[in-house]
Amino acid sequence: MEYTREDAEARVDATPELDAHRQVILCNWPEGEEHWKWVCTAPVHEIVDWAEAVERAYTTAEEDTMNEQRMEQLAFDI
């Protein structure tokens, strides 16, 4: 069976645990149809674990960038 973004969106809409991670799950990942199939068929806990890991990685990277910018500003201020 072929899965589409719309199929994945329908599952996210119908599953509160997934809807909490909607932005990450429904991003246009490079895996394309393979990603949509996974979202439509994988156990909810697996998708949630993955989405939380992506969110943590993004937050950590964002914090690292902000800390680098703060350090640069401190060095400039000195």
PDB file of N, CA and C in Angstrom:
ATOM      1  N   MET A   1       0.837  -1.182   0.000  1.00  0.00           N
ATOM      2  CA  MET A   1       0.000   0.000   0.000  1.00  0.00           C
ATOM      3  C   MET A   1       0.883   1.247   0.000  1.00  0.00           C
ATOM      4  N   GLU A   2       0.475   2.258  -0.709  1.00  0.00           N
ATOM      5  CA  GLU A   2       1.189   3.524  -0.754  1.00  0.00           C
ATOM      6  C   GLU A   2       0.567   4.490   0.249  1.00  0.00           C
ATOM      7  N   TYR A   3       1.417   5.167   1.009  1.00  0.00           N
ATOM      8  CA  TYR A   3       0.939   6.109   2.014  1.00  0.00           C
ATOM      9  C   TYR A   3       1.318   7.529   1.602  1.00  0.00           C
ATOM     10  N   THR A   4       0.472   8.465   1.959  1.00  0.00           N
ATOM     11  CA  THR A   4       0.700   9.861   1.607  1.00  0.00           C
ATOM     12  C   THR A   4       0.794  10.711   2.874  1.00  0.00           C
ATOM     13  N   ARG A   5       1.175  11.950   2.682  1.00  0.00           N
ATOM     14  CA  ARG A   5       1.218  12.896   3.796  1.00  0.00           C
ATOM     15  C   ARG A   5      -0.179  13.030   4.408  1.00  0.00           C
ATOM     16  N   GLU A   6      -1.195  13.003   3.563  1.00  0.00           N
ATOM     17  CA  GLU A   6      -2.575  13.126   4.055  1.00  0.00           C
ATOM     18  C   GLU A   6      -2.944  11.954   4.950  1.00  0.00           C
ATOM     19  N   ASP A   7      -2.481  10.759   4.605  1.00  0.00           N
ATOM     20  CA  ASP A   7      -2.729   9.585   5.459  1.00  0.00           C
ATOM     21  C   ASP A   7      -2.056   9.774   6.822  1.00  0.00           C
ATOM     22  N   ALA A   8      -0.821  10.243   6.786  1.00  0.00           N
ATOM     23  CA  ALA A   8      -0.084  10.472   8.031  1.00  0.00           C
ATOM     24  C   ALA A   8      -0.766  11.560   8.853  1.00  0.00           C
ATOM     25  N   GLU A   9      -1.210  12.608   8.194  1.00  0.00           N
ATOM     26  CA  GLU A   9      -1.885  13.696   8.896  1.00  0.00           C
ATOM     27  C   GLU A   9      -3.168  13.204   9.555  1.00  0.00           C
ATOM     28  N   ALA A  10      -3.886  12.328   8.896  1.00  0.00           N
ATOM     29  CA  ALA A  10      -5.112  11.779   9.469  1.00  0.00           C
ATOM     30  C   ALA A  10      -4.810  10.983  10.738  1.00  0.00           C
ATOM     31  N   ARG A  11      -3.708  10.217  10.721  1.00  0.00           N
ATOM     32  CA  ARG A  11      -3.351   9.454  11.929  1.00  0.00           C
ATOM     33  C   ARG A  11      -2.945  10.397  13.061  1.00  0.00           C
ATOM     34  N   VAL A  12      -2.170  11.409  12.735  1.00  0.00           N
ATOM     35  CA  VAL A  12      -1.753  12.380  13.751  1.00  0.00           C
ATOM     36  C   VAL A  12      -2.984  13.076  14.335  1.00  0.00           C
ATOM     37  N   ASP A  13      -3.916  13.469  13.476  1.00  0.00           N
ATOM     38  CA  ASP A  13      -5.140  14.130  13.936  1.00  0.00           C
ATOM     39  C   ASP A  13      -5.944  13.236  14.881  1.00  0.00           C
ATOM     40  N   ALA A  14      -5.925  11.939  14.615  1.00  0.00           N
ATOM     41  CA  ALA A  14      -6.741  10.995  15.381  1.00  0.00           C
ATOM     42  C   ALA A  14      -6.050  10.478  16.645  1.00  0.00           C
ATOM     43  N   THR A  15      -4.772  10.860  16.836  1.00  0.00           N
ATOM     44  CA  THR A  15      -4.002  10.317  17.953  1.00  0.00           C
ATOM     45  C   THR A  15      -3.410  11.458  18.774  1.00  0.00           C
ATOM     46  N   PRO A  16      -3.988  11.745  19.930  1.00  0.00           N
ATOM     47  CA  PRO A  16      -3.513  12.879  20.738  1.00  0.00           C
ATOM     48  C   PRO A  16      -2.016  12.833  21.064  1.00  0.00           C
ATOM     49  N   GLU A  17      -1.481  11.640  21.316  1.00  0.00           N
ATOM     50  CA  GLU A  17      -0.054  11.525  21.625  1.00  0.00           C
ATOM     51  C   GLU A  17       0.809  11.982  20.450  1.00  0.00           C
ATOM     52  N   LEU A  18       0.334  11.736  19.233  1.00  0.00           N
ATOM     53  CA  LEU A  18       1.077  12.160  18.050  1.00  0.00           C
ATOM     54  C   LEU A  18       0.837  13.636  17.756  1.00  0.00           C
ATOM     55  N   ASP A  19      -0.374  14.079  17.989  1.00  0.00           N
ATOM     56  CA  ASP A  19      -0.713  15.471  17.701  1.00  0.00           C
ATOM     57  C   ASP A  19       0.166  16.430  18.500  1.00  0.00           C
ATOM     58  N   ALA A  20       0.601  16.005  19.672  1.00  0.00           N
ATOM     59  CA  ALA A  20       1.478  16.833  20.497  1.00  0.00           C
ATOM     60  C   ALA A  20       2.835  17.081  19.826  1.00  0.00           C
ATOM     61  N   HIS A  21       3.180  16.243  18.840  1.00  0.00           N
ATOM     62  CA  HIS A  21       4.461  16.351  18.130  1.00  0.00           C
ATOM     63  C   HIS A  21       4.238  16.595  16.629  1.00  0.00           C
ATOM     64  N   ARG A  22       3.104  17.130  16.302  1.00  0.00           N
ATOM     65  CA  ARG A  22       2.650  17.326  14.921  1.00  0.00           C
ATOM     66  C   ARG A  22       3.703  17.971  14.017  1.00  0.00           C
ATOM     67  N   GLN A  23       4.314  19.053  14.475  1.00  0.00           N
ATOM     68  CA  GLN A  23       5.244  19.794  13.631  1.00  0.00           C
ATOM     69  C   GLN A  23       6.427  18.923  13.202  1.00  0.00           C
ATOM     70  N   VAL A  24       6.966  18.149  14.119  1.00  0.00           N
ATOM     71  CA  VAL A  24       8.104  17.284  13.806  1.00  0.00           C
ATOM     72  C   VAL A  24       7.664  16.120  12.924  1.00  0.00           C
ATOM     73  N   ILE A  25       6.576  15.483  13.286  1.00  0.00           N
ATOM     74  CA  ILE A  25       6.124  14.292  12.561  1.00  0.00           C
ATOM     75  C   ILE A  25       5.748  14.622  11.126  1.00  0.00           C
ATOM     76  N   LEU A  26       5.076  15.753  10.921  1.00  0.00           N
ATOM     77  CA  LEU A  26       4.572  16.074   9.577  1.00  0.00           C
ATOM     78  C   LEU A  26       5.514  16.960   8.765  1.00  0.00           C
ATOM     79  N   CYS A  27       6.721  17.124   9.251  1.00  0.00           N
ATOM     80  CA  CYS A  27       7.739  17.848   8.478  1.00  0.00           C
ATOM     81  C   CYS A  27       8.031  17.040   7.202  1.00  0.00           C
ATOM     82  N   ASN A  28       8.436  17.706   6.157  1.00  0.00           N
ATOM     83  CA  ASN A  28       8.762  17.003   4.902  1.00  0.00           C
ATOM     84  C   ASN A  28      10.153  16.380   4.994  1.00  0.00           C
ATOM     85  N   TRP A  29      10.219  15.236   5.652  1.00  0.00           N
ATOM     86  CA  TRP A  29      11.483  14.527   5.810  1.00  0.00           C
ATOM     87  C   TRP A  29      11.944  13.969   4.477  1.00  0.00           C
ATOM     88  N   PRO A  30      13.260  13.857   4.249  1.00  0.00           N
ATOM     89  CA  PRO A  30      13.779  13.401   2.949  1.00  0.00           C
ATOM     90  C   PRO A  30      13.392  11.962   2.596  1.00  0.00           C
ATOM     91  N   GLU A  31      12.956  11.194   3.586  1.00  0.00           N
ATOM     92  CA  GLU A  31      12.559   9.806   3.310  1.00  0.00           C
ATOM     93  C   GLU A  31      11.247   9.709   2.539  1.00  0.00           C
ATOM     94  N   GLY A  32      10.512  10.810   2.456  1.00  0.00           N
ATOM     95  CA  GLY A  32       9.293  10.852   1.653  1.00  0.00           C
ATOM     96  C   GLY A  32       8.269   9.806   2.035  1.00  0.00           C
ATOM     97  N   GLU A  33       7.863   9.006   1.051  1.00  0.00           N
ATOM     98  CA  GLU A  33       6.809   8.010   1.273  1.00  0.00           C
ATOM     99  C   GLU A  33       7.174   7.024   2.380  1.00  0.00           C
ATOM    100  N   GLU A  34       8.444   6.700   2.498  1.00  0.00           N
ATOM    101  CA  GLU A  34       8.875   5.779   3.559  1.00  0.00           C
ATOM    102  C   GLU A  34       8.528   6.360   4.937  1.00  0.00           C
ATOM    103  N   HIS A  35       8.712   7.666   5.095  1.00  0.00           N
ATOM    104  CA  HIS A  35       8.364   8.321   6.364  1.00  0.00           C
ATOM    105  C   HIS A  35       6.862   8.271   6.591  1.00  0.00           C
ATOM    106  N   TRP A  36       6.078   8.586   5.545  1.00  0.00           N
ATOM    107  CA  TRP A  36       4.612   8.572   5.700  1.00  0.00           C
ATOM    108  C   TRP A  36       4.127   7.176   6.057  1.00  0.00           C
ATOM    109  N   LYS A  37       4.708   6.160   5.439  1.00  0.00           N
ATOM    110  CA  LYS A  37       4.326   4.780   5.750  1.00  0.00           C
ATOM    111  C   LYS A  37       4.633   4.480   7.217  1.00  0.00           C
ATOM    112  N   TRP A  38       5.805   4.893   7.678  1.00  0.00           N
ATOM    113  CA  TRP A  38       6.190   4.655   9.069  1.00  0.00           C
ATOM    114  C   TRP A  38       5.228   5.356  10.022  1.00  0.00           C
ATOM    115  N   VAL A  39       4.882   6.616   9.741  1.00  0.00           N
ATOM    116  CA  VAL A  39       3.947   7.351  10.595  1.00  0.00           C
ATOM    117  C   VAL A  39       2.589   6.653  10.632  1.00  0.00           C
ATOM    118  N   CYS A  40       2.190   6.073   9.518  1.00  0.00           N
ATOM    119  CA  CYS A  40       0.879   5.415   9.441  1.00  0.00           C
ATOM    120  C   CYS A  40       0.854   4.026  10.075  1.00  0.00           C
ATOM    121  N   THR A  41       2.010   3.397  10.219  1.00  0.00           N
ATOM    122  CA  THR A  41       2.008   1.992  10.644  1.00  0.00           C
ATOM    123  C   THR A  41       2.792   1.691  11.923  1.00  0.00           C
ATOM    124  N   ALA A  42       3.703   2.537  12.310  1.00  0.00           N
ATOM    125  CA  ALA A  42       4.544   2.262  13.486  1.00  0.00           C
ATOM    126  C   ALA A  42       3.727   2.406  14.768  1.00  0.00           C
ATOM    127  N   PRO A  43       4.153   1.724  15.824  1.00  0.00           N
ATOM    128  CA  PRO A  43       3.485   1.908  17.116  1.00  0.00           C
ATOM    129  C   PRO A  43       3.618   3.363  17.568  1.00  0.00           C
ATOM    130  N   VAL A  44       2.580   3.864  18.207  1.00  0.00           N
ATOM    131  CA  VAL A  44       2.552   5.264  18.649  1.00  0.00           C
ATOM    132  C   VAL A  44       3.760   5.582  19.520  1.00  0.00           C
ATOM    133  N   HIS A  45       4.093   4.704  20.464  1.00  0.00           N
ATOM    134  CA  HIS A  45       5.212   4.987  21.375  1.00  0.00           C
ATOM    135  C   HIS A  45       6.527   5.145  20.618  1.00  0.00           C
ATOM    136  N   GLU A  46       6.700   4.409  19.534  1.00  0.00           N
ATOM    137  CA  GLU A  46       7.924   4.505  18.734  1.00  0.00           C
ATOM    138  C   GLU A  46       8.018   5.879  18.054  1.00  0.00           C
ATOM    139  N   ILE A  47       6.909   6.334  17.512  1.00  0.00           N
ATOM    140  CA  ILE A  47       6.886   7.639  16.846  1.00  0.00           C
ATOM    141  C   ILE A  47       7.106   8.747  17.870  1.00  0.00           C
ATOM    142  N   VAL A  48       6.458   8.640  19.024  1.00  0.00           N
ATOM    143  CA  VAL A  48       6.613   9.651  20.073  1.00  0.00           C
ATOM    144  C   VAL A  48       8.059   9.695  20.555  1.00  0.00           C
ATOM    145  N   ASP A  49       8.672   8.527  20.785  1.00  0.00           N
ATOM    146  CA  ASP A  49      10.077   8.489  21.225  1.00  0.00           C
ATOM    147  C   ASP A  49      10.978   9.181  20.207  1.00  0.00           C
ATOM    148  N   TRP A  50      10.752   8.897  18.928  1.00  0.00           N
ATOM    149  CA  TRP A  50      11.544   9.516  17.858  1.00  0.00           C
ATOM    150  C   TRP A  50      11.329  11.030  17.836  1.00  0.00           C
ATOM    151  N   ALA A  51      10.072  11.457  17.892  1.00  0.00           N
ATOM    152  CA  ALA A  51       9.763  12.890  17.839  1.00  0.00           C
ATOM    153  C   ALA A  51      10.389  13.624  19.023  1.00  0.00           C
ATOM    154  N   GLU A  52      10.334  13.024  20.198  1.00  0.00           N
ATOM    155  CA  GLU A  52      10.936  13.655  21.379  1.00  0.00           C
ATOM    156  C   GLU A  52      12.451  13.756  21.231  1.00  0.00           C
ATOM    157  N   ALA A  53      13.080  12.729  20.650  1.00  0.00           N
ATOM    158  CA  ALA A  53      14.529  12.773  20.419  1.00  0.00           C
ATOM    159  C   ALA A  53      14.888  13.884  19.430  1.00  0.00           C
ATOM    160  N   VAL A  54      14.096  14.031  18.383  1.00  0.00           N
ATOM    161  CA  VAL A  54      14.333  15.102  17.409  1.00  0.00           C
ATOM    162  C   VAL A  54      14.170  16.457  18.083  1.00  0.00           C
ATOM    163  N   GLU A  55      13.128  16.610  18.872  1.00  0.00           N
ATOM    164  CA  GLU A  55      12.881  17.875  19.571  1.00  0.00           C
ATOM    165  C   GLU A  55      14.016  18.209  20.537  1.00  0.00           C
ATOM    166  N   ARG A  56      14.511  17.190  21.260  1.00  0.00           N
ATOM    167  CA  ARG A  56      15.638  17.415  22.181  1.00  0.00           C
ATOM    168  C   ARG A  56      16.888  17.828  21.414  1.00  0.00           C
ATOM    169  N   ALA A  57      17.154  17.151  20.311  1.00  0.00           N
ATOM    170  CA  ALA A  57      18.337  17.470  19.506  1.00  0.00           C
ATOM    171  C   ALA A  57      18.242  18.892  18.961  1.00  0.00           C
ATOM    172  N   TYR A  58      17.073  19.283  18.508  1.00  0.00           N
ATOM    173  CA  TYR A  58      16.880  20.633  17.986  1.00  0.00           C
ATOM    174  C   TYR A  58      17.055  21.661  19.098  1.00  0.00           C
ATOM    175  N   THR A  59      16.489  21.400  20.253  1.00  0.00           N
ATOM    176  CA  THR A  59      16.602  22.318  21.384  1.00  0.00           C
ATOM    177  C   THR A  59      18.049  22.446  21.816  1.00  0.00           C
ATOM    178  N   THR A  60      18.774  21.331  21.885  1.00  0.00           N
ATOM    179  CA  THR A  60      20.185  21.347  22.277  1.00  0.00           C
ATOM    180  C   THR A  60      21.006  22.138  21.273  1.00  0.00           C
ATOM    181  N   ALA A  61      20.775  21.917  19.983  1.00  0.00           N
ATOM    182  CA  ALA A  61      21.506  22.646  18.952  1.00  0.00           C
ATOM    183  C   ALA A  61      21.200  24.135  19.029  1.00  0.00           C
ATOM    184  N   GLU A  62      19.940  24.452  19.258  1.00  0.00           N
ATOM    185  CA  GLU A  62      19.532  25.860  19.370  1.00  0.00           C
ATOM    186  C   GLU A  62      20.184  26.508  20.594  1.00  0.00           C
ATOM    187  N   GLU A  63      20.215  25.793  21.714  1.00  0.00           N
ATOM    188  CA  GLU A  63      20.850  26.320  22.925  1.00  0.00           C
ATOM    189  C   GLU A  63      22.340  26.504  22.716  1.00  0.00           C
ATOM    190  N   ASP A  64      22.991  25.552  22.028  1.00  0.00           N
ATOM    191  CA  ASP A  64      24.419  25.673  21.749  1.00  0.00           C
ATOM    192  C   ASP A  64      24.705  26.923  20.924  1.00  0.00           C
ATOM    193  N   THR A  65      23.871  27.178  19.926  1.00  0.00           N
ATOM    194  CA  THR A  65      24.040  28.366  19.092  1.00  0.00           C
ATOM    195  C   THR A  65      23.860  29.632  19.918  1.00  0.00           C
ATOM    196  N   MET A  66      22.845  29.645  20.764  1.00  0.00           N
ATOM    197  CA  MET A  66      22.601  30.818  21.606  1.00  0.00           C
ATOM    198  C   MET A  66      23.769  31.031  22.567  1.00  0.00           C
ATOM    199  N   ASN A  67      24.308  29.956  23.140  1.00  0.00           N
ATOM    200  CA  ASN A  67      25.445  30.082  24.052  1.00  0.00           C
ATOM    201  C   ASN A  67      26.676  30.607  23.326  1.00  0.00           C
ATOM    202  N   GLU A  68      26.910  30.137  22.091  1.00  0.00           N
ATOM    203  CA  GLU A  68      28.033  30.646  21.301  1.00  0.00           C
ATOM    204  C   GLU A  68      27.864  32.135  21.039  1.00  0.00           C
ATOM    205  N   GLN A  69      26.660  32.553  20.718  1.00  0.00           N
ATOM    206  CA  GLN A  69      26.403  33.963  20.454  1.00  0.00           C
ATOM    207  C   GLN A  69      26.628  34.794  21.720  1.00  0.00           C
ATOM    208  N   ARG A  70      26.210  34.264  22.864  1.00  0.00           N
ATOM    209  CA  ARG A  70      26.430  34.976  24.129  1.00  0.00           C
ATOM    210  C   ARG A  70      27.922  35.114  24.424  1.00  0.00           C
ATOM    211  N   MET A  71      28.684  34.035  24.186  1.00  0.00           N
ATOM    212  CA  MET A  71      30.114  34.071  24.428  1.00  0.00           C
ATOM    213  C   MET A  71      30.789  35.091  23.504  1.00  0.00           C
ATOM    214  N   GLU A  72      30.372  35.119  22.255  1.00  0.00           N
ATOM    215  CA  GLU A  72      30.911  36.101  21.314  1.00  0.00           C
ATOM    216  C   GLU A  72      30.595  37.520  21.789  1.00  0.00           C
ATOM    217  N   GLN A  73      29.395  37.742  22.280  1.00  0.00           N
ATOM    218  CA  GLN A  73      29.009  39.067  22.766  1.00  0.00           C
ATOM    219  C   GLN A  73      29.817  39.438  23.996  1.00  0.00           C
ATOM    220  N   LEU A  74      30.023  38.471  24.902  1.00  0.00           N
ATOM    221  CA  LEU A  74      30.823  38.737  26.089  1.00  0.00           C
ATOM    222  C   LEU A  74      32.250  39.106  25.697  1.00  0.00           C
ATOM    223  N   ALA A  75      32.819  38.370  24.751  1.00  0.00           N
ATOM    224  CA  ALA A  75      34.178  38.657  24.293  1.00  0.00           C
ATOM    225  C   ALA A  75      34.244  40.045  23.668  1.00  0.00           C
ATOM    226  N   PHE A  76      33.206  40.418  22.964  1.00  0.00           N
ATOM    227  CA  PHE A  76      33.151  41.738  22.322  1.00  0.00           C
ATOM    228  C   PHE A  76      33.045  42.844  23.363  1.00  0.00           C
ATOM    229  N   ASP A  77      32.283  42.569  24.420  1.00  0.00           N
ATOM    230  CA  ASP A  77      32.057  43.561  25.470  1.00  0.00           C
ATOM    231  C   ASP A  77      33.303  43.815  26.316  1.00  0.00           C
ATOM    232  N   ILE A  78      34.185  42.836  26.368  1.00  0.00           N
ATOM    233  CA  ILE A  78      35.369  42.953  27.243  1.00  0.00           C
ATOM    234  C   ILE A  78      36.382  43.892  26.680  1.00  0.00           C
TER     235      ILE A  78
END
